[in-house]
């Protein structure tokens, strides 16, 4: 299952923009533990803008960093939302305001025939209204993505996304905005999100996992370069493809595993 969350309305004393922290997590029947979709501490808030006033549509969406593994929909799954808005000018968490404190259930059984299509669920609480987007997948495998810089400059800004043919929604792996991408000494790019679910069955031309990059070298020409690679899903092992940019070469590796 794929998922996303947007704050569409705020109520009471809350005012845009919002400095949001807390968590959104899901629990499934696989192990009952929290599988975090969004998790930030007070010192690392995400600023959300009003959907009407946003320069970009994503400005009112939570920047998801999970799930850490694929969500299994054999049984109903439960979502926990515990989000707060940081108050300006005070170091005390007790003075912060609640954005959403809520739990709800998602049962995929009535939607078994609608796999691969984005479904929206609106949840309204005392302080806000949020819209959650789900994309259940049948016969899915889990893809864990790693990206390494193997040649050239590691000083660049970039946006990495993943997409499958069957779902017209991008999964944000990393958007460094105006900051340089964090690259480890071994070339590993620090992605915000690494796990994506991909349909494994069906026609080959409908089963691609595509990884896209748009990147600009820091201190370079200022030109933005685009490229992508396409993977055919597998039930196990690993796949690796090279992604060439003007100023560097990237290795994109996917570890495949079946869902339990």
C-alpha atoms as a PDB file:
ATOM      1  CA  UNK A   1       0.000   0.000   0.000  1.00  0.00           C
ATOM      2  CA  UNK A   2       1.136   3.572  -0.770  1.00  0.00           C
ATOM      3  CA  UNK A   3      -0.028   6.494   1.369  1.00  0.00           C
ATOM      4  CA  UNK A   4       0.113  10.280   1.792  1.00  0.00           C
ATOM      5  CA  UNK A   5      -1.396  12.941   4.057  1.00  0.00           C
ATOM      6  CA  UNK A   6      -2.461  16.568   3.629  1.00  0.00           C
ATOM      7  CA  UNK A   7      -3.817  19.142   6.065  1.00  0.00           C
ATOM      8  CA  UNK A   8      -6.763  20.635   4.173  1.00  0.00           C
ATOM      9  CA  UNK A   9      -8.383  22.735   6.927  1.00  0.00           C
ATOM     10  CA  UNK A  10      -7.484  24.151  10.333  1.00  0.00           C
ATOM     11  CA  UNK A  11      -9.915  25.201  13.043  1.00  0.00           C
ATOM     12  CA  UNK A  12     -10.051  27.301  16.181  1.00  0.00           C
ATOM     13  CA  UNK A  13      -6.995  29.371  17.063  1.00  0.00           C
ATOM     14  CA  UNK A  14      -4.653  27.695  14.585  1.00  0.00           C
ATOM     15  CA  UNK A  15      -3.203  29.911  11.844  1.00  0.00           C
ATOM     16  CA  UNK A  16      -1.172  29.203   8.710  1.00  0.00           C
ATOM     17  CA  UNK A  17       1.681  28.515   8.281  1.00  0.00           C
ATOM     18  CA  UNK A  18       2.011  25.621  10.719  1.00  0.00           C
ATOM     19  CA  UNK A  19       5.239  24.300  12.236  1.00  0.00           C
ATOM     20  CA  UNK A  20       4.234  20.666  12.670  1.00  0.00           C
ATOM     21  CA  UNK A  21       5.829  17.834  14.624  1.00  0.00           C
ATOM     22  CA  UNK A  22       4.714  14.487  16.027  1.00  0.00           C
ATOM     23  CA  UNK A  23       3.917  11.284  14.183  1.00  0.00           C
ATOM     24  CA  UNK A  24       1.593   9.460  11.826  1.00  0.00           C
ATOM     25  CA  UNK A  25       1.945   5.687  12.081  1.00  0.00           C
ATOM     26  CA  UNK A  26       0.173   2.583  10.843  1.00  0.00           C
ATOM     27  CA  UNK A  27      -0.206  -0.826  12.466  1.00  0.00           C
ATOM     28  CA  UNK A  28      -0.993  -3.944  10.441  1.00  0.00           C
ATOM     29  CA  UNK A  29      -1.444  -7.612  11.292  1.00  0.00           C
ATOM     30  CA  UNK A  30       2.166  -8.494  10.513  1.00  0.00           C
ATOM     31  CA  UNK A  31       3.658  -7.457  13.858  1.00  0.00           C
ATOM     32  CA  UNK A  32       1.315  -4.830  15.437  1.00  0.00           C
ATOM     33  CA  UNK A  33       4.209  -2.403  15.940  1.00  0.00           C
ATOM     34  CA  UNK A  34       4.099   1.211  14.815  1.00  0.00           C
ATOM     35  CA  UNK A  35       5.267   1.621  11.243  1.00  0.00           C
ATOM     36  CA  UNK A  36       5.998   5.334  11.037  1.00  0.00           C
ATOM     37  CA  UNK A  37       4.933   7.256   7.953  1.00  0.00           C
ATOM     38  CA  UNK A  38       5.811  10.666   9.420  1.00  0.00           C
ATOM     39  CA  UNK A  39       7.892  11.323  12.524  1.00  0.00           C
ATOM     40  CA  UNK A  40       9.478  14.606  13.622  1.00  0.00           C
ATOM     41  CA  UNK A  41      10.605  16.024  16.938  1.00  0.00           C
ATOM     42  CA  UNK A  42       9.844  19.573  18.102  1.00  0.00           C
ATOM     43  CA  UNK A  43      13.306  20.796  17.102  1.00  0.00           C
ATOM     44  CA  UNK A  44      12.801  19.552  13.530  1.00  0.00           C
ATOM     45  CA  UNK A  45       9.331  20.766  12.544  1.00  0.00           C
ATOM     46  CA  UNK A  46       7.929  20.732   9.024  1.00  0.00           C
ATOM     47  CA  UNK A  47       6.343  24.011   7.955  1.00  0.00           C
ATOM     48  CA  UNK A  48       2.984  23.513   6.224  1.00  0.00           C
ATOM     49  CA  UNK A  49       1.345  26.230   4.131  1.00  0.00           C
ATOM     50  CA  UNK A  50      -2.341  26.691   3.397  1.00  0.00           C
ATOM     51  CA  UNK A  51      -3.471  24.653   0.345  1.00  0.00           C
ATOM     52  CA  UNK A  52      -4.953  27.848  -1.137  1.00  0.00           C
ATOM     53  CA  UNK A  53      -1.809  29.938  -0.599  1.00  0.00           C
ATOM     54  CA  UNK A  54       0.836  27.315  -1.393  1.00  0.00           C
ATOM     55  CA  UNK A  55       3.375  28.125  -4.076  1.00  0.00           C
ATOM     56  CA  UNK A  56       3.632  24.387  -4.694  1.00  0.00           C
ATOM     57  CA  UNK A  57       0.838  21.836  -4.075  1.00  0.00           C
ATOM     58  CA  UNK A  58       3.186  19.786  -1.886  1.00  0.00           C
ATOM     59  CA  UNK A  59       3.585  22.632   0.639  1.00  0.00           C
ATOM     60  CA  UNK A  60       0.493  21.491   2.560  1.00  0.00           C
ATOM     61  CA  UNK A  61       1.433  17.788   2.490  1.00  0.00           C
ATOM     62  CA  UNK A  62       3.307  15.991   5.231  1.00  0.00           C
ATOM     63  CA  UNK A  63       6.739  14.939   4.000  1.00  0.00           C
ATOM     64  CA  UNK A  64       6.577  11.200   4.585  1.00  0.00           C
ATOM     65  CA  UNK A  65       9.732   9.301   5.516  1.00  0.00           C
ATOM     66  CA  UNK A  66       8.041   5.906   5.821  1.00  0.00           C
ATOM     67  CA  UNK A  67       6.878   3.268   5.901  1.00  0.00           C
ATOM     68  CA  UNK A  68      10.027   1.423   6.938  1.00  0.00           C
ATOM     69  CA  UNK A  69       8.476  -1.698   5.414  1.00  0.00           C
ATOM     70  CA  UNK A  70       5.464  -2.309   3.186  1.00  0.00           C
ATOM     71  CA  UNK A  71       2.037  -2.238   4.867  1.00  0.00           C
ATOM     72  CA  UNK A  72       0.163  -5.546   4.604  1.00  0.00           C
ATOM     73  CA  UNK A  73      -3.613  -5.353   4.036  1.00  0.00           C
ATOM     74  CA  UNK A  74      -4.647  -8.931   4.851  1.00  0.00           C
ATOM     75  CA  UNK A  75      -6.634  -7.535   7.792  1.00  0.00           C
ATOM     76  CA  UNK A  76      -7.806  -3.995   8.629  1.00  0.00           C
ATOM     77  CA  UNK A  77      -4.979  -1.582   9.438  1.00  0.00           C
ATOM     78  CA  UNK A  78      -5.032   1.176  12.047  1.00  0.00           C
ATOM     79  CA  UNK A  79      -3.644   4.668  11.616  1.00  0.00           C
ATOM     80  CA  UNK A  80      -2.462   6.750  14.581  1.00  0.00           C
ATOM     81  CA  UNK A  81      -2.200  10.521  14.176  1.00  0.00           C
ATOM     82  CA  UNK A  82      -0.520  12.556  16.924  1.00  0.00           C
ATOM     83  CA  UNK A  83       0.469  15.944  15.502  1.00  0.00           C
ATOM     84  CA  UNK A  84       1.142  19.250  17.247  1.00  0.00           C
ATOM     85  CA  UNK A  85       1.843  22.817  16.131  1.00  0.00           C
ATOM     86  CA  UNK A  86       4.875  24.482  17.686  1.00  0.00           C
ATOM     87  CA  UNK A  87       4.037  27.784  19.353  1.00  0.00           C
ATOM     88  CA  UNK A  88       6.170  30.751  18.335  1.00  0.00           C
ATOM     89  CA  UNK A  89       8.356  32.380  20.969  1.00  0.00           C
ATOM     90  CA  UNK A  90       8.215  29.704  23.648  1.00  0.00           C
ATOM     91  CA  UNK A  91      10.575  26.817  24.429  1.00  0.00           C
ATOM     92  CA  UNK A  92       7.860  24.895  26.274  1.00  0.00           C
ATOM     93  CA  UNK A  93       6.068  22.008  24.565  1.00  0.00           C
ATOM     94  CA  UNK A  94       3.150  22.354  26.982  1.00  0.00           C
ATOM     95  CA  UNK A  95       2.246  25.640  25.239  1.00  0.00           C
ATOM     96  CA  UNK A  96       2.037  24.032  21.800  1.00  0.00           C
ATOM     97  CA  UNK A  97      -1.336  23.397  20.153  1.00  0.00           C
ATOM     98  CA  UNK A  98      -2.865  20.114  19.011  1.00  0.00           C
ATOM     99  CA  UNK A  99      -3.256  19.768  15.241  1.00  0.00           C
ATOM    100  CA  UNK A 100      -4.693  16.253  15.222  1.00  0.00           C
ATOM    101  CA  UNK A 101      -4.933  13.488  17.830  1.00  0.00           C
ATOM    102  CA  UNK A 102      -6.830  10.689  16.203  1.00  0.00           C
ATOM    103  CA  UNK A 103      -6.980   7.007  15.335  1.00  0.00           C
ATOM    104  CA  UNK A 104      -8.901   5.424  12.478  1.00  0.00           C
ATOM    105  CA  UNK A 105      -9.214   2.080  10.737  1.00  0.00           C
ATOM    106  CA  UNK A 106      -8.825   1.285   7.050  1.00  0.00           C
ATOM    107  CA  UNK A 107     -10.392  -1.935   5.778  1.00  0.00           C
ATOM    108  CA  UNK A 108      -9.289  -2.886   2.285  1.00  0.00           C
ATOM    109  CA  UNK A 109     -11.747  -5.786   1.826  1.00  0.00           C
ATOM    110  CA  UNK A 110     -14.521  -3.644   0.218  1.00  0.00           C
ATOM    111  CA  UNK A 111     -11.912  -2.244  -2.199  1.00  0.00           C
ATOM    112  CA  UNK A 112     -10.235  -5.490  -3.254  1.00  0.00           C
ATOM    113  CA  UNK A 113     -11.217  -4.918  -6.887  1.00  0.00           C
ATOM    114  CA  UNK A 114      -9.804  -1.379  -6.937  1.00  0.00           C
ATOM    115  CA  UNK A 115      -6.134  -2.153  -6.418  1.00  0.00           C
ATOM    116  CA  UNK A 116      -3.713   0.215  -8.089  1.00  0.00           C
ATOM    117  CA  UNK A 117      -6.030   3.218  -7.817  1.00  0.00           C
ATOM    118  CA  UNK A 118      -5.530   6.055  -5.341  1.00  0.00           C
ATOM    119  CA  UNK A 119      -8.292   6.215  -2.722  1.00  0.00           C
ATOM    120  CA  UNK A 120      -8.927   9.204  -0.477  1.00  0.00           C
ATOM    121  CA  UNK A 121     -10.166   9.239   3.103  1.00  0.00           C
ATOM    122  CA  UNK A 122     -11.044  12.510   4.858  1.00  0.00           C
ATOM    123  CA  UNK A 123     -10.715  12.584   8.652  1.00  0.00           C
ATOM    124  CA  UNK A 124     -12.012  15.615  10.553  1.00  0.00           C
ATOM    125  CA  UNK A 125     -11.172  16.316  14.207  1.00  0.00           C
ATOM    126  CA  UNK A 126     -11.706  19.205  16.607  1.00  0.00           C
ATOM    127  CA  UNK A 127      -8.653  21.095  15.376  1.00  0.00           C
ATOM    128  CA  UNK A 128      -8.210  20.168  11.713  1.00  0.00           C
ATOM    129  CA  UNK A 129      -9.282  18.195   8.674  1.00  0.00           C
ATOM    130  CA  UNK A 130      -6.811  15.898   6.972  1.00  0.00           C
ATOM    131  CA  UNK A 131      -7.004  13.929   3.753  1.00  0.00           C
ATOM    132  CA  UNK A 132      -5.209  10.605   3.515  1.00  0.00           C
ATOM    133  CA  UNK A 133      -4.478   8.960   0.171  1.00  0.00           C
ATOM    134  CA  UNK A 134      -4.079   5.187  -0.181  1.00  0.00           C
ATOM    135  CA  UNK A 135      -3.110   3.057  -3.137  1.00  0.00           C
ATOM    136  CA  UNK A 136      -3.635  -0.637  -2.316  1.00  0.00           C
ATOM    137  CA  UNK A 137      -1.644  -3.050  -4.474  1.00  0.00           C
ATOM    138  CA  UNK A 138      -2.324  -6.737  -5.094  1.00  0.00           C
ATOM    139  CA  UNK A 139       0.487  -9.269  -5.548  1.00  0.00           C
ATOM    140  CA  UNK A 140       2.989  -6.649  -4.428  1.00  0.00           C
ATOM    141  CA  UNK A 141       6.658  -6.922  -3.586  1.00  0.00           C
ATOM    142  CA  UNK A 142       8.723  -4.638  -1.398  1.00  0.00           C
ATOM    143  CA  UNK A 143      11.468  -2.574  -3.030  1.00  0.00           C
ATOM    144  CA  UNK A 144      14.182  -1.042  -0.841  1.00  0.00           C
ATOM    145  CA  UNK A 145      16.122   1.589  -2.785  1.00  0.00           C
ATOM    146  CA  UNK A 146      19.738   2.687  -2.339  1.00  0.00           C
ATOM    147  CA  UNK A 147      21.516   5.330  -4.419  1.00  0.00           C
ATOM    148  CA  UNK A 148      25.298   5.804  -4.506  1.00  0.00           C
ATOM    149  CA  UNK A 149      27.480   8.419  -6.183  1.00  0.00           C
ATOM    150  CA  UNK A 150      30.131   6.290  -7.923  1.00  0.00           C
ATOM    151  CA  UNK A 151      31.803   8.878 -10.188  1.00  0.00           C
ATOM    152  CA  UNK A 152      32.087  12.644 -10.401  1.00  0.00           C
ATOM    153  CA  UNK A 153      30.891  15.384  -8.074  1.00  0.00           C
ATOM    154  CA  UNK A 154      28.879  14.655  -4.941  1.00  0.00           C
ATOM    155  CA  UNK A 155      28.087  18.351  -4.455  1.00  0.00           C
ATOM    156  CA  UNK A 156      24.584  18.749  -5.840  1.00  0.00           C
ATOM    157  CA  UNK A 157      20.979  19.549  -4.995  1.00  0.00           C
ATOM    158  CA  UNK A 158      18.438  16.970  -6.098  1.00  0.00           C
ATOM    159  CA  UNK A 159      14.928  15.603  -6.057  1.00  0.00           C
ATOM    160  CA  UNK A 160      14.549  11.808  -6.244  1.00  0.00           C
ATOM    161  CA  UNK A 161      11.143  10.215  -6.847  1.00  0.00           C
ATOM    162  CA  UNK A 162       9.811   6.724  -7.573  1.00  0.00           C
ATOM    163  CA  UNK A 163       6.778   5.752  -9.625  1.00  0.00           C
ATOM    164  CA  UNK A 164       5.060   2.630 -10.905  1.00  0.00           C
ATOM    165  CA  UNK A 165       3.104   2.428 -14.151  1.00  0.00           C
ATOM    166  CA  UNK A 166      -0.144   1.385 -12.471  1.00  0.00           C
ATOM    167  CA  UNK A 167      -0.393   4.363 -10.076  1.00  0.00           C
ATOM    168  CA  UNK A 168      -0.306   7.953 -11.260  1.00  0.00           C
ATOM    169  CA  UNK A 169       1.315   9.215  -8.051  1.00  0.00           C
ATOM    170  CA  UNK A 170       4.969   9.958  -7.330  1.00  0.00           C
ATOM    171  CA  UNK A 171       6.648   8.688  -4.166  1.00  0.00           C
ATOM    172  CA  UNK A 172       9.083  11.284  -2.854  1.00  0.00           C
ATOM    173  CA  UNK A 173      12.376   9.670  -1.874  1.00  0.00           C
ATOM    174  CA  UNK A 174      14.250  12.938  -1.257  1.00  0.00           C
ATOM    175  CA  UNK A 175      13.830  16.616  -2.038  1.00  0.00           C
ATOM    176  CA  UNK A 176      16.850  18.564  -0.825  1.00  0.00           C
ATOM    177  CA  UNK A 177      15.305  21.874  -1.980  1.00  0.00           C
ATOM    178  CA  UNK A 178      18.088  24.484  -1.831  1.00  0.00           C
ATOM    179  CA  UNK A 179      20.344  22.327   0.330  1.00  0.00           C
ATOM    180  CA  UNK A 180      23.127  20.052  -0.832  1.00  0.00           C
ATOM    181  CA  UNK A 181      22.328  16.348  -0.801  1.00  0.00           C
ATOM    182  CA  UNK A 182      23.957  14.488   2.097  1.00  0.00           C
ATOM    183  CA  UNK A 183      26.396  11.908   0.712  1.00  0.00           C
ATOM    184  CA  UNK A 184      28.355   9.537   2.974  1.00  0.00           C
ATOM    185  CA  UNK A 185      32.048   8.741   2.555  1.00  0.00           C
ATOM    186  CA  UNK A 186      31.146   5.586   0.601  1.00  0.00           C
ATOM    187  CA  UNK A 187      28.935   7.593  -1.777  1.00  0.00           C
ATOM    188  CA  UNK A 188      25.594   6.593  -0.241  1.00  0.00           C
ATOM    189  CA  UNK A 189      22.921   9.264  -0.730  1.00  0.00           C
ATOM    190  CA  UNK A 190      20.850   9.868   2.424  1.00  0.00           C
ATOM    191  CA  UNK A 191      17.264   9.399   1.245  1.00  0.00           C
ATOM    192  CA  UNK A 192      14.313  10.454   3.382  1.00  0.00           C
ATOM    193  CA  UNK A 193      12.359   7.422   2.200  1.00  0.00           C
ATOM    194  CA  UNK A 194      13.641   4.126   0.795  1.00  0.00           C
ATOM    195  CA  UNK A 195      10.789   1.584   0.758  1.00  0.00           C
ATOM    196  CA  UNK A 196       8.232   1.360  -2.067  1.00  0.00           C
ATOM    197  CA  UNK A 197       5.607  -1.300  -2.849  1.00  0.00           C
ATOM    198  CA  UNK A 198       5.416  -2.525  -6.448  1.00  0.00           C
ATOM    199  CA  UNK A 199       2.961  -4.832  -8.205  1.00  0.00           C
ATOM    200  CA  UNK A 200       4.792  -7.969  -9.302  1.00  0.00           C
ATOM    201  CA  UNK A 201       2.127  -9.672 -11.441  1.00  0.00           C
ATOM    202  CA  UNK A 202       0.593  -8.565 -14.733  1.00  0.00           C
ATOM    203  CA  UNK A 203       1.896  -7.530 -18.140  1.00  0.00           C
ATOM    204  CA  UNK A 204       5.624  -6.741 -18.163  1.00  0.00           C
ATOM    205  CA  UNK A 205       5.083  -3.280 -19.682  1.00  0.00           C
ATOM    206  CA  UNK A 206       2.826  -2.391 -16.712  1.00  0.00           C
ATOM    207  CA  UNK A 207       5.246  -3.533 -13.987  1.00  0.00           C
ATOM    208  CA  UNK A 208       8.067  -1.013 -14.042  1.00  0.00           C
ATOM    209  CA  UNK A 209       9.468   0.660 -10.957  1.00  0.00           C
ATOM    210  CA  UNK A 210      10.920   3.933 -12.220  1.00  0.00           C
ATOM    211  CA  UNK A 211      13.366   6.040 -10.201  1.00  0.00           C
ATOM    212  CA  UNK A 212      13.670   9.666 -11.354  1.00  0.00           C
ATOM    213  CA  UNK A 213      16.219  12.339 -10.510  1.00  0.00           C
ATOM    214  CA  UNK A 214      16.468  16.038 -11.244  1.00  0.00           C
ATOM    215  CA  UNK A 215      19.721  17.498  -9.991  1.00  0.00           C
ATOM    216  CA  UNK A 216      21.794  20.682 -10.080  1.00  0.00           C
ATOM    217  CA  UNK A 217      25.508  20.767  -9.325  1.00  0.00           C
ATOM    218  CA  UNK A 218      26.472  23.178  -6.544  1.00  0.00           C
ATOM    219  CA  UNK A 219      28.934  25.694  -7.973  1.00  0.00           C
ATOM    220  CA  UNK A 220      28.362  24.411 -11.488  1.00  0.00           C
ATOM    221  CA  UNK A 221      26.572  25.856 -14.503  1.00  0.00           C
ATOM    222  CA  UNK A 222      23.267  26.138 -12.641  1.00  0.00           C
ATOM    223  CA  UNK A 223      21.590  23.886 -15.189  1.00  0.00           C
ATOM    224  CA  UNK A 224      19.222  21.193 -13.910  1.00  0.00           C
ATOM    225  CA  UNK A 225      19.686  17.707 -15.325  1.00  0.00           C
ATOM    226  CA  UNK A 226      17.017  14.999 -15.542  1.00  0.00           C
ATOM    227  CA  UNK A 227      17.251  11.233 -15.938  1.00  0.00           C
ATOM    228  CA  UNK A 228      15.545   8.021 -14.831  1.00  0.00           C
ATOM    229  CA  UNK A 229      15.942   4.247 -14.751  1.00  0.00           C
ATOM    230  CA  UNK A 230      13.310   1.496 -15.001  1.00  0.00           C
ATOM    231  CA  UNK A 231      13.371  -1.728 -12.991  1.00  0.00           C
ATOM    232  CA  UNK A 232      11.323  -4.877 -13.637  1.00  0.00           C
ATOM    233  CA  UNK A 233      10.063  -6.165 -10.243  1.00  0.00           C
ATOM    234  CA  UNK A 234      11.419  -9.397  -8.799  1.00  0.00           C
ATOM    235  CA  UNK A 235      10.394 -11.476  -5.787  1.00  0.00           C
ATOM    236  CA  UNK A 236      13.929 -11.660  -4.348  1.00  0.00           C
ATOM    237  CA  UNK A 237      17.585 -10.714  -4.807  1.00  0.00           C
ATOM    238  CA  UNK A 238      18.787  -7.317  -6.062  1.00  0.00           C
ATOM    239  CA  UNK A 239      18.751  -5.218  -9.217  1.00  0.00           C
ATOM    240  CA  UNK A 240      21.225  -2.489 -10.118  1.00  0.00           C
ATOM    241  CA  UNK A 241      21.221   0.149 -12.859  1.00  0.00           C
ATOM    242  CA  UNK A 242      23.414   3.168 -13.562  1.00  0.00           C
ATOM    243  CA  UNK A 243      22.038   6.676 -13.857  1.00  0.00           C
ATOM    244  CA  UNK A 244      24.214   9.173 -15.731  1.00  0.00           C
ATOM    245  CA  UNK A 245      24.113  12.925 -15.093  1.00  0.00           C
ATOM    246  CA  UNK A 246      26.298  15.636 -16.609  1.00  0.00           C
ATOM    247  CA  UNK A 247      28.468  15.973 -13.508  1.00  0.00           C
ATOM    248  CA  UNK A 248      28.271  12.525 -11.872  1.00  0.00           C
ATOM    249  CA  UNK A 249      27.250   8.904 -12.247  1.00  0.00           C
ATOM    250  CA  UNK A 250      24.822   7.279  -9.814  1.00  0.00           C
ATOM    251  CA  UNK A 251      24.256   3.626  -8.987  1.00  0.00           C
ATOM    252  CA  UNK A 252      20.617   2.820  -8.181  1.00  0.00           C
ATOM    253  CA  UNK A 253      20.184  -0.507  -6.397  1.00  0.00           C
ATOM    254  CA  UNK A 254      16.890  -2.142  -5.418  1.00  0.00           C
ATOM    255  CA  UNK A 255      16.604  -5.005  -2.916  1.00  0.00           C
ATOM    256  CA  UNK A 256      13.451  -7.039  -3.598  1.00  0.00           C
ATOM    257  CA  UNK A 257      11.491  -9.067  -1.074  1.00  0.00           C
ATOM    258  CA  UNK A 258       8.084 -10.723  -0.930  1.00  0.00           C
ATOM    259  CA  UNK A 259       5.549  -9.451   1.584  1.00  0.00           C
ATOM    260  CA  UNK A 260       4.810 -11.857   4.418  1.00  0.00           C
END
